[in-house]
Structure formats: C-alpha cells, structure tokens
Amino acid sequence: MATTQEFHATGLTCGHCAQAVTDELTALDGVREVGVEVVAEGASTVRVTADRTLTDAEVSGALDEAGGYVLARA
C-alpha cells in the first residue's frame, strides 16, 4: 500500500527547482508521485507518495543531487 510523506526543503525558488527535485525523487525505488509547493524565501513542501517509507537520508541525497537543496525540519 502506498503512503504519502511530507518533507520540507530550503533553496527552491522556481518551477525549474521543483522539476529537478521531482525528477530526482521519482528516480528512487518505489516512488509513485511527487508534488512540490515552492516557497521561494522559506521552506518548500515536498510530498512523496511511495510504496515504502523513504528515509530522510534518501530524500536529502535526492535534494542535494537536484541542485544543492537542503532538507529542513518543519
């Protein structure tokens, strides 16, 4: 059964950033859907629906690979 997790990330400023994050997270095993709500001067919301629970380390790695974005604590 798929579950949806919510993460927060800093550094995203535009749709291009959101697409880069979506591409990297979608490449992770089991990820079905990614939604990104960009908050240019704050913490953007990243919702990931996957067949398994993703770890903070996995998400942090994908954010870094997408463009140096940083996982933030809500």
N, C-alpha and C. Protein backbone atom coordinates (compact mmCIF):
# COMPACT_ATOMS: atom_id res chain seq x y z
N MET A 1 0.83 -1.18 0.00
CA MET A 1 0.00 0.00 0.00
C MET A 1 0.89 1.25 0.00
N ALA A 2 0.54 2.20 -0.83
CA ALA A 2 1.33 3.43 -0.93
C ALA A 2 1.04 4.36 0.25
N THR A 3 2.07 5.05 0.68
CA THR A 3 1.93 6.04 1.73
C THR A 3 2.48 7.37 1.24
N THR A 4 1.95 8.45 1.78
CA THR A 4 2.42 9.78 1.41
C THR A 4 3.15 10.39 2.59
N GLN A 5 4.35 10.88 2.32
CA GLN A 5 5.16 11.55 3.32
C GLN A 5 5.35 12.99 2.91
N GLU A 6 5.51 13.85 3.91
CA GLU A 6 5.74 15.26 3.64
C GLU A 6 7.10 15.67 4.20
N PHE A 7 7.85 16.35 3.36
CA PHE A 7 9.17 16.85 3.74
C PHE A 7 9.21 18.35 3.45
N HIS A 8 10.17 19.02 4.04
CA HIS A 8 10.36 20.45 3.78
C HIS A 8 11.80 20.66 3.33
N ALA A 9 11.97 21.56 2.36
CA ALA A 9 13.29 21.81 1.80
C ALA A 9 13.50 23.30 1.58
N THR A 10 14.73 23.73 1.77
CA THR A 10 15.06 25.13 1.51
C THR A 10 15.91 25.23 0.26
N GLY A 11 15.86 26.42 -0.35
CA GLY A 11 16.68 26.69 -1.52
C GLY A 11 15.93 26.67 -2.84
N LEU A 12 14.70 26.14 -2.84
CA LEU A 12 13.93 26.11 -4.07
C LEU A 12 13.33 27.49 -4.33
N THR A 13 13.43 27.97 -5.58
CA THR A 13 12.93 29.31 -5.89
C THR A 13 11.98 29.37 -7.08
N CYS A 14 11.87 28.27 -7.84
CA CYS A 14 11.07 28.35 -9.06
C CYS A 14 10.60 26.96 -9.52
N GLY A 15 9.87 26.97 -10.61
CA GLY A 15 9.37 25.72 -11.18
C GLY A 15 10.48 24.80 -11.65
N HIS A 16 11.58 25.37 -12.13
CA HIS A 16 12.72 24.55 -12.55
C HIS A 16 13.27 23.78 -11.36
N CYS A 17 13.37 24.44 -10.22
CA CYS A 17 13.84 23.77 -8.99
C CYS A 17 12.90 22.62 -8.63
N ALA A 18 11.61 22.90 -8.69
CA ALA A 18 10.61 21.88 -8.36
C ALA A 18 10.72 20.69 -9.29
N GLN A 19 10.95 20.94 -10.58
CA GLN A 19 11.07 19.84 -11.55
C GLN A 19 12.32 19.01 -11.29
N ALA A 20 13.42 19.67 -10.94
CA ALA A 20 14.66 18.95 -10.65
C ALA A 20 14.48 18.04 -9.43
N VAL A 21 13.82 18.55 -8.41
CA VAL A 21 13.55 17.75 -7.21
C VAL A 21 12.63 16.59 -7.55
N THR A 22 11.58 16.87 -8.31
CA THR A 22 10.64 15.81 -8.73
C THR A 22 11.37 14.71 -9.49
N ASP A 23 12.23 15.09 -10.42
CA ASP A 23 12.96 14.10 -11.22
C ASP A 23 13.84 13.21 -10.34
N GLU A 24 14.56 13.80 -9.41
CA GLU A 24 15.45 13.03 -8.55
C GLU A 24 14.68 12.10 -7.60
N LEU A 25 13.60 12.61 -7.03
CA LEU A 25 12.81 11.77 -6.11
C LEU A 25 12.08 10.66 -6.85
N THR A 26 11.59 10.95 -8.04
CA THR A 26 10.88 9.94 -8.83
C THR A 26 11.81 8.78 -9.19
N ALA A 27 13.11 9.05 -9.28
CA ALA A 27 14.08 8.01 -9.61
C ALA A 27 14.31 7.03 -8.46
N LEU A 28 13.88 7.38 -7.24
CA LEU A 28 14.07 6.48 -6.10
C LEU A 28 13.11 5.30 -6.21
N ASP A 29 13.57 4.15 -5.77
CA ASP A 29 12.79 2.92 -5.82
C ASP A 29 11.47 3.06 -5.07
N GLY A 30 10.37 2.75 -5.75
CA GLY A 30 9.06 2.71 -5.11
C GLY A 30 8.28 4.01 -5.14
N VAL A 31 8.90 5.09 -5.60
CA VAL A 31 8.21 6.38 -5.61
C VAL A 31 7.21 6.41 -6.76
N ARG A 32 5.97 6.75 -6.43
CA ARG A 32 4.89 6.81 -7.42
C ARG A 32 4.59 8.22 -7.88
N GLU A 33 4.64 9.17 -6.93
CA GLU A 33 4.23 10.54 -7.25
C GLU A 33 4.95 11.52 -6.34
N VAL A 34 5.27 12.68 -6.90
CA VAL A 34 5.93 13.74 -6.15
C VAL A 34 5.20 15.04 -6.43
N GLY A 35 4.94 15.79 -5.38
CA GLY A 35 4.35 17.12 -5.51
C GLY A 35 5.20 18.11 -4.75
N VAL A 36 5.49 19.26 -5.38
CA VAL A 36 6.34 20.26 -4.75
C VAL A 36 5.61 21.60 -4.75
N GLU A 37 5.52 22.20 -3.56
CA GLU A 37 4.96 23.54 -3.41
C GLU A 37 6.12 24.46 -3.07
N VAL A 38 6.53 25.28 -4.04
CA VAL A 38 7.71 26.13 -3.86
C VAL A 38 7.38 27.35 -3.00
N VAL A 39 8.19 27.57 -1.99
CA VAL A 39 8.16 28.79 -1.17
C VAL A 39 9.55 29.39 -1.32
N ALA A 40 9.66 30.39 -2.19
CA ALA A 40 10.96 30.91 -2.60
C ALA A 40 11.84 31.39 -1.46
N GLU A 41 11.27 31.99 -0.45
CA GLU A 41 12.10 32.52 0.64
C GLU A 41 11.84 31.80 1.95
N GLY A 42 11.51 30.54 1.86
CA GLY A 42 11.23 29.76 3.06
C GLY A 42 11.39 28.28 2.78
N ALA A 43 10.65 27.50 3.53
CA ALA A 43 10.71 26.05 3.37
C ALA A 43 9.61 25.58 2.42
N SER A 44 10.02 25.02 1.30
CA SER A 44 9.07 24.45 0.33
C SER A 44 8.58 23.11 0.84
N THR A 45 7.36 22.75 0.47
CA THR A 45 6.78 21.48 0.87
C THR A 45 6.93 20.47 -0.26
N VAL A 46 7.42 19.29 0.10
CA VAL A 46 7.61 18.21 -0.87
C VAL A 46 6.82 17.01 -0.38
N ARG A 47 5.82 16.59 -1.14
CA ARG A 47 5.01 15.42 -0.79
C ARG A 47 5.38 14.27 -1.72
N VAL A 48 5.67 13.14 -1.11
CA VAL A 48 6.10 11.97 -1.88
C VAL A 48 5.19 10.79 -1.55
N THR A 49 4.60 10.22 -2.58
CA THR A 49 3.79 9.01 -2.42
C THR A 49 4.63 7.84 -2.95
N ALA A 50 4.82 6.85 -2.10
CA ALA A 50 5.69 5.73 -2.46
C ALA A 50 5.16 4.43 -1.88
N ASP A 51 5.69 3.34 -2.40
CA ASP A 51 5.32 2.00 -1.94
C ASP A 51 5.99 1.65 -0.62
N ARG A 52 6.88 2.50 -0.17
CA ARG A 52 7.62 2.26 1.07
C ARG A 52 7.92 3.59 1.73
N THR A 53 8.37 3.55 2.96
CA THR A 53 8.74 4.76 3.68
C THR A 53 10.15 5.17 3.26
N LEU A 54 10.28 6.41 2.83
CA LEU A 54 11.59 6.93 2.46
C LEU A 54 12.30 7.47 3.70
N THR A 55 13.59 7.33 3.74
CA THR A 55 14.37 7.85 4.86
C THR A 55 14.75 9.31 4.58
N ASP A 56 15.03 10.04 5.65
CA ASP A 56 15.50 11.41 5.49
C ASP A 56 16.78 11.43 4.67
N ALA A 57 17.63 10.43 4.85
CA ALA A 57 18.90 10.37 4.11
C ALA A 57 18.65 10.24 2.61
N GLU A 58 17.69 9.42 2.22
CA GLU A 58 17.37 9.26 0.80
C GLU A 58 16.86 10.57 0.20
N VAL A 59 15.95 11.20 0.92
CA VAL A 59 15.37 12.45 0.43
C VAL A 59 16.42 13.55 0.40
N SER A 60 17.24 13.62 1.44
CA SER A 60 18.31 14.61 1.49
C SER A 60 19.28 14.44 0.32
N GLY A 61 19.63 13.20 0.02
CA GLY A 61 20.51 12.91 -1.10
C GLY A 61 19.91 13.34 -2.43
N ALA A 62 18.62 13.08 -2.60
CA ALA A 62 17.94 13.47 -3.84
C ALA A 62 17.87 14.99 -3.96
N LEU A 63 17.61 15.67 -2.86
CA LEU A 63 17.56 17.14 -2.87
C LEU A 63 18.93 17.72 -3.24
N ASP A 64 19.98 17.15 -2.66
CA ASP A 64 21.33 17.62 -2.95
C ASP A 64 21.68 17.39 -4.41
N GLU A 65 21.33 16.23 -4.93
CA GLU A 65 21.62 15.89 -6.32
C GLU A 65 20.84 16.80 -7.28
N ALA A 66 19.64 17.19 -6.88
CA ALA A 66 18.80 18.03 -7.73
C ALA A 66 19.33 19.44 -7.87
N GLY A 67 20.14 19.88 -6.92
CA GLY A 67 20.66 21.24 -7.04
C GLY A 67 21.14 21.85 -5.75
N GLY A 68 21.51 21.02 -4.82
CA GLY A 68 22.04 21.55 -3.57
C GLY A 68 20.98 22.03 -2.61
N TYR A 69 19.76 21.57 -2.77
CA TYR A 69 18.68 21.94 -1.86
C TYR A 69 18.86 21.17 -0.56
N VAL A 70 18.31 21.72 0.52
CA VAL A 70 18.57 21.16 1.85
C VAL A 70 17.27 20.76 2.53
N LEU A 71 17.28 19.55 3.08
CA LEU A 71 16.14 19.06 3.85
C LEU A 71 16.05 19.90 5.12
N ALA A 72 14.86 20.42 5.40
CA ALA A 72 14.65 21.28 6.56
C ALA A 72 13.70 20.61 7.54
N ARG A 73 13.85 20.96 8.77
CA ARG A 73 12.93 20.49 9.80
C ARG A 73 11.74 21.44 9.84
N ALA A 74 10.55 20.87 9.83
CA ALA A 74 9.34 21.70 9.81
C ALA A 74 9.15 22.42 11.13
